[in-house]
Amino acid sequence: MWTVTVGLTCLLAMLPEQSGKISIENPRLLHGVPGLPRASNKFMHGDSFYLAFDIKGVQSDAEGKVTYSLLTEVLVNGRLEFKHESKDIDAIDSLGGNVLPGFTQLNIGKDQPDGKYTVKVTATEKKTKATATIVKEFELGKGELGIVRIRTTADREEKVPTAIFSTGEDMWLNMSIVGFARDKSKQPNLKISMEIFDSNGKPTVQKPPVAEISKDVDPELDLLPLQFYVSLNRAGKFTIKLKVMDQVSGKSFSTELPLEVSQAK
C-alpha cells in the first residue's frame, strides 16, 4: 500500500498582485525534505519517494496569507492506482519573491508490484482556483538487498531534517536496510559501512565506521533502521559511500551521496 505526506518545506515568497496563473517548476528528487539530491529515479520496496518543487504565482491576501492544496496521483500504464488530496494548506508571506517551495512524499509499500510508475502532482491556489501540474516517473525494482529511506538530520532523534551544512555542525545519516536474509536462528548477519571521500577521491579516515547487526532483531522486522554520525569539521565537497554486506546470502549493495560543507561565518 501507499502512504503520502504533502506540504511546505519553508515559505520564501508570495506577492499580493499576480496574474492569476501558477506554475510548478524545478522538480527534484531528494533523500528526505529537506534532503540530499537523489541521482537515480530507481527505487526499492520499502523506500520513500520525495519530490520537491517550487510553486510560482500564488496570490496572498492583504495580511500575507495564502491557501492552496496538493493532489498526488500515482499511475501505472496510464491507470490510476492511488490518489491523495491534501486538506487546505495555509502559509504566510514573509520575505517576498514569488516562490513557494512544496513537496510530496510517498512511502512505497512492500507489496507494490515492480514496474514503472508515474507520479502526478497538481497544486490548486484556493483564492483564484488556478492550478498547475508536474509529472515525475520512477521505476520500482525487485525486492532485493538495499539501503532505503535515507535522510539527513541535525539530531540523533531524527526530528530536525537538514540539507544545508556548515563547519562546526553535527549530521546524522539515517537509513533502513531491506531485503536481507536470515540464518537458521531467524537473525540477519549484516555489515554496513560508511566511507567518506574528499574532492580528490581520498578517504577522510583510514578506518571508516562499520556497523554489525547479527542479533536481537525482531523476526517480523523487514525494515532495519540504522544511523551514522558525521562531524562536519571542515569545509569542502565530499562523497559518502554506504555499503551493506549480507553475510547470510552473500549479496551486497552500495550507494553514493554528495555532501557539501560550507565554512561557517
Protein backbone atom coordinates (compact mmCIF):
# COMPACT_ATOMS: atom_id res chain seq x y z
CA MET A 1 0.00 0.00 0.00
CA TRP A 2 0.94 3.68 -0.33
CA THR A 3 1.04 6.43 2.27
CA VAL A 4 1.63 10.09 1.40
CA THR A 5 2.71 13.34 3.02
CA VAL A 6 2.48 16.74 1.36
CA GLY A 7 3.24 20.30 2.40
CA LEU A 8 5.76 23.11 2.57
CA THR A 9 9.47 22.88 3.06
CA CYS A 10 9.62 26.56 4.01
CA LEU A 11 7.89 29.70 2.80
CA LEU A 12 10.06 32.06 0.81
CA ALA A 13 7.68 34.26 -1.10
CA MET A 14 4.33 35.27 -2.46
CA LEU A 15 3.42 38.60 -3.97
CA PRO A 16 -0.10 40.04 -3.43
CA GLU A 17 -0.51 41.02 -7.09
CA GLN A 18 -0.24 38.22 -9.63
CA SER A 19 -1.76 37.30 -12.99
CA GLY A 20 -3.99 34.52 -11.62
CA LYS A 21 -1.76 31.82 -13.08
CA ILE A 22 0.53 29.49 -11.19
CA SER A 23 3.26 27.10 -12.30
CA ILE A 24 5.23 24.26 -10.77
CA GLU A 25 8.93 24.44 -11.56
CA ASN A 26 12.29 22.98 -10.54
CA PRO A 27 11.11 19.42 -9.69
CA ARG A 28 13.81 17.41 -7.92
CA LEU A 29 14.11 14.02 -6.26
CA LEU A 30 15.63 14.16 -2.77
CA HIS A 31 16.61 11.91 0.11
CA GLY A 32 14.11 13.48 2.52
CA VAL A 33 12.82 17.08 2.58
CA PRO A 34 14.97 18.97 3.00
CA GLY A 35 17.48 16.37 1.92
CA LEU A 36 20.45 15.47 -0.22
CA PRO A 37 19.94 15.21 -4.01
CA ARG A 38 18.86 11.83 -5.31
CA ALA A 39 20.61 10.98 -8.58
CA SER A 40 18.52 7.99 -9.62
CA ASN A 41 14.79 7.51 -10.18
CA LYS A 42 15.09 3.79 -9.37
CA PHE A 43 13.50 2.80 -6.06
CA MET A 44 13.19 -0.33 -3.93
CA HIS A 45 10.33 -1.78 -1.93
CA GLY A 46 10.07 -0.08 1.45
CA ASP A 47 11.69 3.11 0.13
CA SER A 48 10.34 6.67 0.30
CA PHE A 49 9.76 8.82 -2.78
CA TYR A 50 10.43 12.52 -2.09
CA LEU A 51 9.60 15.04 -4.81
CA ALA A 52 10.29 18.71 -4.07
CA PHE A 53 9.29 21.60 -6.33
CA ASP A 54 8.62 25.34 -6.46
CA ILE A 55 5.11 26.79 -6.89
CA LYS A 56 5.22 30.19 -8.55
CA GLY A 57 2.49 32.82 -8.90
CA VAL A 58 0.38 32.02 -5.82
CA GLN A 59 -1.54 35.08 -4.54
CA SER A 60 -1.59 36.20 -0.93
CA ASP A 61 -4.16 38.45 0.72
CA ALA A 62 -3.52 41.79 2.42
CA GLU A 63 -2.31 40.00 5.56
CA GLY A 64 0.10 37.82 3.60
CA LYS A 65 -1.98 34.66 3.91
CA VAL A 66 -2.23 32.14 1.08
CA THR A 67 -4.16 28.88 0.90
CA TYR A 68 -3.54 26.03 -1.51
CA SER A 69 -3.94 22.26 -1.80
CA LEU A 70 -1.98 19.43 -3.42
CA LEU A 71 -3.39 16.42 -5.24
CA THR A 72 -0.97 13.49 -5.58
CA GLU A 73 -1.80 10.69 -8.02
CA VAL A 74 0.16 7.51 -8.78
CA LEU A 75 -0.41 5.91 -12.18
CA VAL A 76 0.74 2.66 -13.80
CA ASN A 77 0.49 2.48 -17.59
CA GLY A 78 -1.93 5.40 -17.50
CA ARG A 79 -4.16 3.68 -14.93
CA LEU A 80 -4.79 5.46 -11.62
CA GLU A 81 -3.59 3.28 -8.72
CA PHE A 82 -3.51 5.72 -5.82
CA LYS A 83 -4.81 9.22 -5.13
CA HIS A 84 -4.45 11.57 -2.18
CA GLU A 85 -5.77 15.12 -1.91
CA SER A 86 -4.44 17.23 0.94
CA LYS A 87 -6.53 19.42 3.17
CA ASP A 88 -6.16 23.16 2.58
CA ILE A 89 -2.62 24.24 3.44
CA ASP A 90 -2.20 27.74 4.89
CA ALA A 91 1.04 29.70 4.63
CA ILE A 92 2.17 33.25 5.37
CA ASP A 93 4.11 35.54 3.03
CA SER A 94 7.27 36.60 4.86
CA LEU A 95 10.13 37.59 2.58
CA GLY A 96 8.65 38.36 -0.82
CA GLY A 97 9.96 36.97 -4.12
CA ASN A 98 7.11 34.89 -5.56
CA VAL A 99 8.30 31.35 -4.71
CA LEU A 100 6.51 28.77 -2.58
CA PRO A 101 8.52 25.55 -2.09
CA GLY A 102 6.39 22.43 -1.69
CA PHE A 103 6.85 18.68 -1.64
CA THR A 104 5.09 15.36 -1.78
CA GLN A 105 6.30 12.16 -0.11
CA LEU A 106 5.22 8.61 -0.93
CA ASN A 107 6.10 5.66 1.26
CA ILE A 108 6.34 2.64 -1.04
CA GLY A 109 4.77 -0.48 0.40
CA LYS A 110 6.41 -3.91 0.38
CA ASP A 111 3.51 -5.33 -1.62
CA GLN A 112 3.73 -2.98 -4.60
CA PRO A 113 4.41 -4.74 -7.94
CA ASP A 114 7.63 -3.98 -9.79
CA GLY A 115 7.41 -1.69 -12.78
CA LYS A 116 7.36 1.90 -14.00
CA TYR A 117 5.23 4.42 -12.12
CA THR A 118 4.15 7.98 -12.82
CA VAL A 119 3.58 10.49 -10.02
CA LYS A 120 1.35 13.43 -10.92
CA VAL A 121 1.12 16.39 -8.53
CA THR A 122 -1.46 19.15 -9.02
CA ALA A 123 -1.36 22.37 -6.98
CA THR A 124 -4.54 24.45 -6.63
CA GLU A 125 -4.49 28.01 -5.32
CA LYS A 126 -7.75 28.42 -3.41
CA LYS A 127 -8.25 32.16 -3.94
CA THR A 128 -8.03 32.19 -7.74
CA LYS A 129 -8.73 28.46 -8.38
CA ALA A 130 -5.60 28.46 -10.55
CA THR A 131 -3.95 25.05 -10.99
CA ALA A 132 -0.61 23.69 -12.16
CA THR A 133 0.65 20.13 -12.62
CA ILE A 134 4.02 18.38 -12.59
CA VAL A 135 4.70 14.77 -13.61
CA LYS A 136 7.63 12.61 -12.49
CA GLU A 137 8.36 8.99 -13.35
CA PHE A 138 10.16 6.40 -11.26
CA GLU A 139 10.97 2.72 -11.51
CA LEU A 140 10.32 0.18 -8.76
CA GLY A 141 12.75 -2.74 -8.87
CA LYS A 142 12.92 -6.19 -7.37
CA GLY A 143 12.75 -6.54 -3.62
CA GLU A 144 16.41 -7.34 -3.05
CA LEU A 145 19.04 -6.20 -0.57
CA GLY A 146 19.31 -2.43 -0.40
CA ILE A 147 19.57 0.80 1.59
CA VAL A 148 16.38 2.88 1.62
CA ARG A 149 14.76 5.86 3.37
CA ILE A 150 17.99 7.83 3.59
CA ARG A 151 17.58 11.10 5.50
CA THR A 152 19.97 13.64 6.97
CA THR A 153 19.13 15.27 10.30
CA ALA A 154 20.83 17.65 12.69
CA ASP A 155 19.89 15.49 15.68
CA ARG A 156 20.10 11.86 16.67
CA GLU A 157 16.36 11.72 17.34
CA GLU A 158 15.64 12.48 13.64
CA LYS A 159 13.37 15.42 14.48
CA VAL A 160 15.32 18.13 12.61
CA PRO A 161 15.82 17.28 8.90
CA THR A 162 18.50 19.32 7.18
CA ALA A 163 20.43 19.54 3.90
CA ILE A 164 22.41 22.75 4.46
CA PHE A 165 25.64 22.06 6.31
CA SER A 166 28.31 24.32 7.85
CA THR A 167 31.52 23.60 9.72
CA GLY A 168 31.07 23.01 13.41
CA GLU A 169 27.70 21.29 13.00
CA ASP A 170 26.68 17.67 13.53
CA MET A 171 24.97 15.48 10.95
CA TRP A 172 23.19 12.19 11.41
CA LEU A 173 22.76 9.96 8.38
CA ASN A 174 19.63 7.84 8.86
CA MET A 175 18.60 4.87 6.72
CA SER A 176 16.94 1.45 6.68
CA ILE A 177 18.15 -1.89 5.31
CA VAL A 178 15.72 -4.01 3.29
CA GLY A 179 15.82 -7.36 1.52
CA PHE A 180 18.25 -9.00 3.95
CA ALA A 181 18.36 -12.75 4.55
CA ARG A 182 18.16 -14.55 7.89
CA ASP A 183 20.03 -17.57 9.22
CA LYS A 184 18.58 -20.67 10.89
CA SER A 185 18.01 -18.71 14.10
CA LYS A 186 15.97 -16.11 12.14
CA GLN A 187 18.65 -13.46 12.63
CA PRO A 188 20.39 -11.38 9.95
CA ASN A 189 24.15 -11.05 9.67
CA LEU A 190 24.93 -7.65 8.19
CA LYS A 191 27.90 -5.35 7.93
CA ILE A 192 27.12 -1.75 6.97
CA SER A 193 29.98 0.67 6.30
CA MET A 194 30.18 4.40 5.67
CA GLU A 195 33.20 5.76 3.76
CA ILE A 196 33.71 9.46 3.09
CA PHE A 197 35.95 10.70 0.27
CA ASP A 198 37.16 14.25 -0.33
CA SER A 199 37.03 16.07 -3.68
CA ASN A 200 40.28 14.31 -4.74
CA GLY A 201 38.85 10.87 -4.05
CA LYS A 202 40.95 10.40 -0.91
CA PRO A 203 39.35 8.69 2.12
CA THR A 204 38.93 11.09 5.03
CA VAL A 205 39.76 8.40 7.63
CA GLN A 206 41.86 5.25 7.43
CA LYS A 207 39.32 3.07 9.23
CA PRO A 208 35.71 4.02 8.37
CA PRO A 209 32.87 3.10 10.75
CA VAL A 210 31.24 -0.29 10.29
CA ALA A 211 28.00 -1.39 11.96
CA GLU A 212 27.47 -5.11 12.52
CA ILE A 213 23.96 -6.47 13.10
CA SER A 214 23.54 -10.16 13.86
CA LYS A 215 21.35 -10.49 16.95
CA ASP A 216 18.31 -9.18 18.83
CA VAL A 217 16.42 -8.36 15.63
CA ASP A 218 12.65 -8.92 15.69
CA PRO A 219 11.84 -11.90 13.43
CA GLU A 220 8.99 -9.90 11.84
CA LEU A 221 11.08 -6.81 11.08
CA ASP A 222 11.65 -6.20 7.36
CA LEU A 223 12.94 -2.60 7.57
CA LEU A 224 16.05 -2.43 9.75
CA PRO A 225 16.80 1.17 10.89
CA LEU A 226 20.37 2.42 11.24
CA GLN A 227 22.23 5.71 11.56
CA PHE A 228 25.79 7.04 11.29
CA TYR A 229 27.21 10.19 12.86
CA VAL A 230 29.25 12.67 10.80
CA SER A 231 31.20 15.53 12.38
CA LEU A 232 31.34 18.46 9.95
CA ASN A 233 34.80 19.64 10.95
CA ARG A 234 35.94 21.16 7.65
CA ALA A 235 34.52 22.76 4.52
CA GLY A 236 34.57 21.12 1.11
CA LYS A 237 32.82 18.77 -1.29
CA PHE A 238 32.70 15.13 -0.27
CA THR A 239 31.19 11.83 -1.36
CA ILE A 240 29.62 9.43 1.13
CA LYS A 241 29.63 5.76 0.14
CA LEU A 242 27.27 3.46 2.01
CA LYS A 243 27.66 -0.29 1.64
CA VAL A 244 25.77 -3.21 3.16
CA MET A 245 27.14 -6.77 3.06
CA ASP A 246 24.80 -9.67 3.82
CA GLN A 247 26.85 -12.49 5.33
CA VAL A 248 23.93 -14.92 5.05
CA SER A 249 23.06 -14.52 1.36
CA GLY A 250 26.48 -13.33 0.19
CA LYS A 251 24.87 -10.30 -1.51
CA SER A 252 25.99 -6.68 -1.23
CA PHE A 253 24.64 -3.26 -2.14
CA SER A 254 26.22 0.20 -2.22
CA THR A 255 25.14 3.75 -2.97
CA GLU A 256 26.83 7.16 -3.02
CA LEU A 257 25.66 10.55 -1.76
CA PRO A 258 27.07 14.03 -2.38
CA LEU A 259 27.90 16.15 0.67
CA GLU A 260 28.90 19.83 0.56
CA VAL A 261 30.00 21.59 3.73
CA SER A 262 30.39 25.38 3.78
CA GLN A 263 32.68 27.41 6.01
CA ALA A 264 30.78 28.86 8.96
CA LYS A 265 30.91 32.66 9.13
